[in-house]
Amino acid sequence: GFGLKGEGDQVRLFDSSGLLVDEVEYNYVSPWPTAPNGTELTLELIHPSRDNALGVNWAAANGNGTPGAKNSVYDDK
């Protein structure tokens, strides 16, 4: 199956023209949310206006994520 490395990886999003729209490089150490070694962790951005480059703006999802819906960890504060 598809997955990203737990010790850090990078995700890049491109539009249909091939232009970079957004990117995030995460890590598996604080302040990034972590899970016990060997377990899966789904991350969600707390709010779309927050800087996705900062680990403090991410949280472990309640379940396996929420494609097409508001993130389960959404915080509008």
Protein backbone atom coordinates (compact mmCIF):
# COMPACT_ATOMS: atom_id res chain seq x y z
CA GLY A 1 0.00 0.00 0.00
CA PHE A 2 0.87 3.63 -0.30
CA GLY A 3 2.36 5.43 2.65
CA LEU A 4 4.81 8.10 3.63
CA LYS A 5 7.94 7.56 5.66
CA GLY A 6 7.50 8.01 9.39
CA GLU A 7 10.89 9.66 9.86
CA GLY A 8 9.95 12.51 7.53
CA ASP A 9 8.78 12.95 4.01
CA GLN A 10 7.51 15.64 1.69
CA VAL A 11 4.18 16.09 -0.07
CA ARG A 12 3.81 18.43 -3.05
CA LEU A 13 0.56 19.40 -4.78
CA PHE A 14 0.55 20.54 -8.40
CA ASP A 15 -2.25 22.03 -10.47
CA SER A 16 -3.27 20.67 -13.88
CA SER A 17 -0.62 22.89 -15.54
CA GLY A 18 2.13 21.35 -13.47
CA LEU A 19 2.63 24.42 -11.26
CA LEU A 20 3.40 23.85 -7.60
CA VAL A 21 0.37 24.88 -5.51
CA ASP A 22 1.40 23.78 -2.03
CA GLU A 23 3.95 21.63 -0.26
CA VAL A 24 4.71 20.38 3.21
CA GLU A 25 7.71 18.60 4.65
CA TYR A 26 6.87 16.84 7.89
CA ASN A 27 8.85 14.97 10.47
CA TYR A 28 8.23 12.34 13.12
CA VAL A 29 9.53 14.36 16.07
CA SER A 30 7.96 17.08 18.21
CA PRO A 31 6.32 19.46 17.48
CA TRP A 32 4.87 17.12 14.83
CA PRO A 33 2.23 14.69 16.14
CA THR A 34 3.69 11.21 16.62
CA ALA A 35 2.38 7.68 17.11
CA PRO A 36 4.04 4.75 18.84
CA ASN A 37 6.73 3.17 16.66
CA GLY A 38 5.25 0.75 14.15
CA THR A 39 1.74 2.22 14.19
CA GLU A 40 0.00 4.27 11.55
CA LEU A 41 -0.81 7.94 11.99
CA THR A 42 -3.01 10.12 9.81
CA LEU A 43 -2.34 13.85 10.10
CA GLU A 44 -4.82 16.64 9.47
CA LEU A 45 -4.25 20.38 9.33
CA ILE A 46 -6.07 22.05 12.24
CA HIS A 47 -7.26 24.97 10.08
CA PRO A 48 -6.66 25.75 6.37
CA SER A 49 -5.40 29.27 7.13
CA ARG A 50 -2.59 28.04 9.38
CA ASP A 51 0.98 27.57 8.14
CA ASN A 52 1.20 23.92 7.09
CA ALA A 53 5.01 24.03 7.39
CA LEU A 54 4.72 24.13 11.19
CA GLY A 55 4.12 20.87 13.04
CA VAL A 56 2.10 22.60 15.77
CA ASN A 57 -0.63 23.27 13.19
CA TRP A 58 -1.23 19.55 12.59
CA ALA A 59 -2.97 16.95 14.75
CA ALA A 60 -3.55 13.21 14.65
CA ALA A 61 -6.83 12.52 12.85
CA ASN A 62 -9.80 10.91 14.53
CA GLY A 63 -9.88 7.83 12.30
CA ASN A 64 -8.37 7.70 8.83
CA GLY A 65 -8.94 11.25 7.66
CA THR A 66 -11.95 13.01 6.20
CA PRO A 67 -11.63 13.34 2.40
CA GLY A 68 -14.18 15.82 1.04
CA ALA A 69 -15.27 16.96 4.51
CA LYS A 70 -14.06 19.26 7.29
CA ASN A 71 -11.05 17.77 9.05
CA SER A 72 -11.92 15.89 12.23
CA VAL A 73 -9.44 18.05 14.20
CA TYR A 74 -10.69 21.37 12.79
CA ASP A 75 -10.24 24.31 15.18
CA ASP A 76 -11.45 27.78 14.17
CA LYS A 77 -9.79 29.55 17.13
